[in-house]
Amino acid sequence: MMKSNKEFVNLGLAKVEMKSVNVQISDREFKQLGLKKESFSFSELMDIITKKVNRDNLKECLELSEKHGLSKMTLAEINAEIRGNRDAASDS
C-alpha cells in the first residue's frame, strides 16, 4: 500500500511538486540492504539498492571466474586474450 503526501519545494525559479511515498520491506530485506535509518530521499534509496545489486553481481562474477579457472589468469594472459579477441574482430 502506498501513501502519497504532496509537498511543494521551491527549486530556483519554479516550484516543483514533491510526493512522499511509504514503502514496506521485511526486516530481512532491511538488514540485507544495510539500512541504518527508515527515511531516505529517492536518490539515496536508489544509490543503496544500486550498490547492493552491484555487490551481488560482483560476487557472482567472482564465483564464476573461480569455477571456470579464470581467477588464476595472470594480467599478461588476460591482456593477451583481449588482444587476440580484438585482432580476430578486426579481421572479420
N, C-alpha and C. Protein backbone atom coordinates (compact mmCIF):
# COMPACT_ATOMS: atom_id res chain seq x y z
N MET A 1 0.84 -1.17 0.00
CA MET A 1 0.00 0.00 0.00
C MET A 1 0.89 1.23 0.00
N MET A 2 0.64 2.18 -0.91
CA MET A 2 1.42 3.40 -0.98
C MET A 2 0.56 4.57 -0.57
N LYS A 3 1.14 5.44 0.24
CA LYS A 3 0.50 6.70 0.61
C LYS A 3 1.28 7.81 -0.07
N SER A 4 0.61 8.83 -0.50
CA SER A 4 1.29 9.94 -1.15
C SER A 4 0.88 11.24 -0.47
N ASN A 5 1.87 12.00 -0.04
CA ASN A 5 1.63 13.32 0.54
C ASN A 5 2.28 14.33 -0.37
N LYS A 6 1.52 15.33 -0.81
CA LYS A 6 2.08 16.32 -1.72
C LYS A 6 2.80 17.40 -0.93
N GLU A 7 3.96 17.79 -1.43
CA GLU A 7 4.72 18.90 -0.90
C GLU A 7 5.19 19.72 -2.08
N PHE A 8 5.38 21.00 -1.87
CA PHE A 8 5.94 21.85 -2.90
C PHE A 8 7.28 22.35 -2.43
N VAL A 9 8.27 22.24 -3.30
CA VAL A 9 9.62 22.68 -2.98
C VAL A 9 10.00 23.73 -4.01
N ASN A 10 10.54 24.83 -3.54
CA ASN A 10 10.97 25.89 -4.44
C ASN A 10 12.39 25.59 -4.90
N LEU A 11 12.54 25.20 -6.16
CA LEU A 11 13.84 24.91 -6.75
C LEU A 11 14.16 26.00 -7.77
N GLY A 12 14.83 27.03 -7.31
CA GLY A 12 15.18 28.12 -8.21
C GLY A 12 13.97 28.91 -8.60
N LEU A 13 13.67 28.94 -9.90
CA LEU A 13 12.59 29.77 -10.41
C LEU A 13 11.22 29.10 -10.38
N ALA A 14 11.19 27.78 -10.32
CA ALA A 14 9.91 27.07 -10.41
C ALA A 14 9.67 26.25 -9.16
N LYS A 15 8.41 26.16 -8.78
CA LYS A 15 8.03 25.27 -7.69
C LYS A 15 7.82 23.88 -8.27
N VAL A 16 8.39 22.89 -7.60
CA VAL A 16 8.27 21.51 -8.05
C VAL A 16 7.43 20.75 -7.03
N GLU A 17 6.44 20.05 -7.52
CA GLU A 17 5.60 19.25 -6.63
C GLU A 17 6.36 18.01 -6.20
N MET A 18 6.45 17.78 -4.91
CA MET A 18 7.14 16.62 -4.36
C MET A 18 6.11 15.72 -3.70
N LYS A 19 6.34 14.44 -3.74
CA LYS A 19 5.44 13.48 -3.10
C LYS A 19 6.24 12.60 -2.18
N SER A 20 5.62 12.19 -1.09
CA SER A 20 6.22 11.23 -0.17
C SER A 20 5.57 9.88 -0.42
N VAL A 21 6.41 8.86 -0.50
CA VAL A 21 5.91 7.51 -0.74
C VAL A 21 6.43 6.62 0.37
N ASN A 22 5.57 5.85 0.99
CA ASN A 22 5.97 4.91 2.02
C ASN A 22 6.05 3.52 1.42
N VAL A 23 7.18 2.85 1.65
CA VAL A 23 7.40 1.51 1.12
C VAL A 23 7.67 0.58 2.30
N GLN A 24 7.02 -0.55 2.31
CA GLN A 24 7.24 -1.52 3.38
C GLN A 24 8.13 -2.64 2.88
N ILE A 25 9.16 -2.97 3.67
CA ILE A 25 10.03 -4.10 3.36
C ILE A 25 10.17 -4.94 4.62
N SER A 26 10.58 -6.18 4.45
CA SER A 26 10.73 -7.07 5.60
C SER A 26 11.99 -6.70 6.39
N ASP A 27 12.07 -7.17 7.62
CA ASP A 27 13.27 -6.97 8.43
C ASP A 27 14.49 -7.56 7.74
N ARG A 28 14.31 -8.71 7.11
CA ARG A 28 15.42 -9.37 6.40
C ARG A 28 15.95 -8.49 5.28
N GLU A 29 15.05 -7.91 4.49
CA GLU A 29 15.46 -7.03 3.39
C GLU A 29 16.13 -5.77 3.95
N PHE A 30 15.61 -5.26 5.05
CA PHE A 30 16.18 -4.08 5.70
C PHE A 30 17.63 -4.35 6.09
N LYS A 31 17.87 -5.52 6.66
CA LYS A 31 19.22 -5.91 7.07
C LYS A 31 20.11 -6.18 5.86
N GLN A 32 19.57 -6.85 4.83
CA GLN A 32 20.34 -7.16 3.63
C GLN A 32 20.84 -5.89 2.95
N LEU A 33 20.04 -4.84 2.96
CA LEU A 33 20.43 -3.58 2.34
C LEU A 33 21.36 -2.76 3.24
N GLY A 34 21.52 -3.22 4.49
CA GLY A 34 22.39 -2.50 5.42
C GLY A 34 21.83 -1.15 5.83
N LEU A 35 20.51 -1.06 5.87
CA LEU A 35 19.88 0.22 6.20
C LEU A 35 20.08 0.56 7.68
N LYS A 36 20.33 1.83 7.93
CA LYS A 36 20.54 2.29 9.30
C LYS A 36 19.41 3.20 9.77
N LYS A 37 18.66 3.74 8.83
CA LYS A 37 17.54 4.61 9.18
C LYS A 37 16.33 4.24 8.33
N GLU A 38 15.19 4.79 8.65
CA GLU A 38 13.96 4.40 7.98
C GLU A 38 13.42 5.44 7.01
N SER A 39 14.11 6.56 6.86
CA SER A 39 13.65 7.60 5.96
C SER A 39 14.79 8.03 5.03
N PHE A 40 14.52 8.01 3.72
CA PHE A 40 15.53 8.31 2.71
C PHE A 40 14.93 9.15 1.61
N SER A 41 15.77 9.90 0.94
CA SER A 41 15.32 10.53 -0.31
C SER A 41 15.31 9.42 -1.36
N PHE A 42 14.63 9.66 -2.45
CA PHE A 42 14.57 8.67 -3.52
C PHE A 42 15.97 8.37 -4.05
N SER A 43 16.78 9.41 -4.24
CA SER A 43 18.12 9.21 -4.79
C SER A 43 18.99 8.41 -3.82
N GLU A 44 18.83 8.62 -2.51
CA GLU A 44 19.58 7.83 -1.52
C GLU A 44 19.18 6.36 -1.60
N LEU A 45 17.88 6.10 -1.69
CA LEU A 45 17.40 4.73 -1.76
C LEU A 45 17.89 4.05 -3.04
N MET A 46 17.84 4.76 -4.17
CA MET A 46 18.33 4.20 -5.43
C MET A 46 19.82 3.88 -5.33
N ASP A 47 20.59 4.74 -4.69
CA ASP A 47 22.03 4.52 -4.52
C ASP A 47 22.28 3.27 -3.68
N ILE A 48 21.54 3.12 -2.59
CA ILE A 48 21.69 1.95 -1.71
C ILE A 48 21.36 0.66 -2.47
N ILE A 49 20.25 0.67 -3.20
CA ILE A 49 19.84 -0.52 -3.93
C ILE A 49 20.82 -0.83 -5.06
N THR A 50 21.30 0.20 -5.76
CA THR A 50 22.27 0.00 -6.84
C THR A 50 23.56 -0.61 -6.30
N LYS A 51 24.03 -0.12 -5.17
CA LYS A 51 25.25 -0.68 -4.57
C LYS A 51 25.05 -2.15 -4.19
N LYS A 52 23.89 -2.48 -3.67
CA LYS A 52 23.59 -3.86 -3.29
C LYS A 52 23.59 -4.76 -4.53
N VAL A 53 22.94 -4.33 -5.59
CA VAL A 53 22.88 -5.10 -6.83
C VAL A 53 24.30 -5.26 -7.41
N ASN A 54 25.08 -4.19 -7.39
CA ASN A 54 26.46 -4.26 -7.90
C ASN A 54 27.31 -5.23 -7.09
N ARG A 55 27.17 -5.21 -5.76
CA ARG A 55 27.91 -6.16 -4.91
C ARG A 55 27.53 -7.59 -5.23
N ASP A 56 26.22 -7.83 -5.37
CA ASP A 56 25.74 -9.18 -5.69
C ASP A 56 26.27 -9.64 -7.06
N ASN A 57 26.27 -8.74 -8.05
CA ASN A 57 26.77 -9.09 -9.38
C ASN A 57 28.27 -9.37 -9.34
N LEU A 58 29.02 -8.56 -8.58
CA LEU A 58 30.47 -8.79 -8.46
C LEU A 58 30.75 -10.13 -7.81
N LYS A 59 29.99 -10.46 -6.77
CA LYS A 59 30.16 -11.74 -6.09
C LYS A 59 29.91 -12.89 -7.06
N GLU A 60 28.86 -12.76 -7.87
CA GLU A 60 28.55 -13.81 -8.85
C GLU A 60 29.66 -13.92 -9.90
N CYS A 61 30.20 -12.79 -10.35
CA CYS A 61 31.30 -12.81 -11.32
C CYS A 61 32.53 -13.50 -10.74
N LEU A 62 32.84 -13.20 -9.50
CA LEU A 62 33.99 -13.83 -8.86
C LEU A 62 33.80 -15.34 -8.73
N GLU A 63 32.58 -15.75 -8.35
CA GLU A 63 32.30 -17.18 -8.24
C GLU A 63 32.43 -17.87 -9.59
N LEU A 64 31.92 -17.24 -10.65
CA LEU A 64 32.01 -17.83 -11.99
C LEU A 64 33.46 -17.88 -12.47
N SER A 65 34.24 -16.85 -12.17
CA SER A 65 35.64 -16.85 -12.61
C SER A 65 36.43 -17.94 -11.90
N GLU A 66 36.12 -18.18 -10.64
CA GLU A 66 36.78 -19.27 -9.92
C GLU A 66 36.34 -20.62 -10.46
N LYS A 67 35.06 -20.76 -10.74
CA LYS A 67 34.52 -22.02 -11.25
C LYS A 67 35.16 -22.40 -12.59
N HIS A 68 35.40 -21.40 -13.44
CA HIS A 68 35.93 -21.67 -14.78
C HIS A 68 37.44 -21.44 -14.88
N GLY A 69 38.10 -21.25 -13.75
CA GLY A 69 39.56 -21.12 -13.74
C GLY A 69 40.09 -19.78 -14.22
N LEU A 70 39.22 -18.82 -14.41
CA LEU A 70 39.67 -17.52 -14.90
C LEU A 70 40.35 -16.69 -13.81
N SER A 71 40.06 -16.98 -12.57
CA SER A 71 40.65 -16.21 -11.48
C SER A 71 42.14 -16.48 -11.34
N LYS A 72 42.63 -17.54 -11.99
CA LYS A 72 44.05 -17.89 -11.90
C LYS A 72 44.87 -17.27 -13.03
N MET A 73 44.20 -16.59 -13.96
CA MET A 73 44.92 -15.99 -15.09
C MET A 73 45.75 -14.80 -14.61
N THR A 74 46.92 -14.66 -15.20
CA THR A 74 47.76 -13.50 -14.89
C THR A 74 47.28 -12.32 -15.72
N LEU A 75 47.74 -11.13 -15.35
CA LEU A 75 47.37 -9.94 -16.11
C LEU A 75 47.86 -10.04 -17.55
N ALA A 76 49.05 -10.60 -17.74
CA ALA A 76 49.59 -10.78 -19.10
C ALA A 76 48.70 -11.72 -19.91
N GLU A 77 48.19 -12.79 -19.30
CA GLU A 77 47.30 -13.73 -20.00
C GLU A 77 45.97 -13.06 -20.36
N ILE A 78 45.47 -12.26 -19.45
CA ILE A 78 44.20 -11.54 -19.70
C ILE A 78 44.38 -10.58 -20.86
N ASN A 79 45.48 -9.80 -20.82
CA ASN A 79 45.75 -8.85 -21.90
C ASN A 79 45.93 -9.55 -23.24
N ALA A 80 46.62 -10.69 -23.25
CA ALA A 80 46.80 -11.46 -24.49
C ALA A 80 45.46 -11.96 -25.02
N GLU A 81 44.59 -12.40 -24.14
CA GLU A 81 43.25 -12.86 -24.53
C GLU A 81 42.45 -11.72 -25.14
N ILE A 82 42.50 -10.56 -24.51
CA ILE A 82 41.78 -9.38 -25.02
C ILE A 82 42.34 -8.99 -26.39
N ARG A 83 43.66 -8.94 -26.50
CA ARG A 83 44.30 -8.59 -27.75
C ARG A 83 43.91 -9.55 -28.86
N GLY A 84 43.91 -10.84 -28.56
CA GLY A 84 43.53 -11.85 -29.54
C GLY A 84 42.11 -11.69 -30.02
N ASN A 85 41.20 -11.40 -29.11
CA ASN A 85 39.79 -11.20 -29.49
C ASN A 85 39.62 -9.94 -30.32
N ARG A 86 40.33 -8.89 -29.95
CA ARG A 86 40.24 -7.65 -30.73
C ARG A 86 40.79 -7.85 -32.15
N ASP A 87 41.93 -8.57 -32.24
CA ASP A 87 42.52 -8.84 -33.55
C ASP A 87 41.57 -9.67 -34.41
N ALA A 88 40.95 -10.68 -33.79
CA ALA A 88 40.00 -11.54 -34.53
C ALA A 88 38.79 -10.74 -34.99
N ALA A 89 38.34 -9.80 -34.17
CA ALA A 89 37.18 -8.99 -34.53
C ALA A 89 37.51 -8.03 -35.66
N SER A 90 38.71 -7.49 -35.65
CA SER A 90 39.10 -6.54 -36.70
C SER A 90 39.37 -7.25 -38.03
N ASP A 91 39.73 -8.54 -37.98
CA ASP A 91 39.97 -9.31 -39.21
C ASP A 91 38.68 -9.74 -39.88
N SER A 92 37.57 -9.76 -39.15
CA SER A 92 36.33 -10.23 -39.75
C SER A 92 35.45 -9.11 -40.24
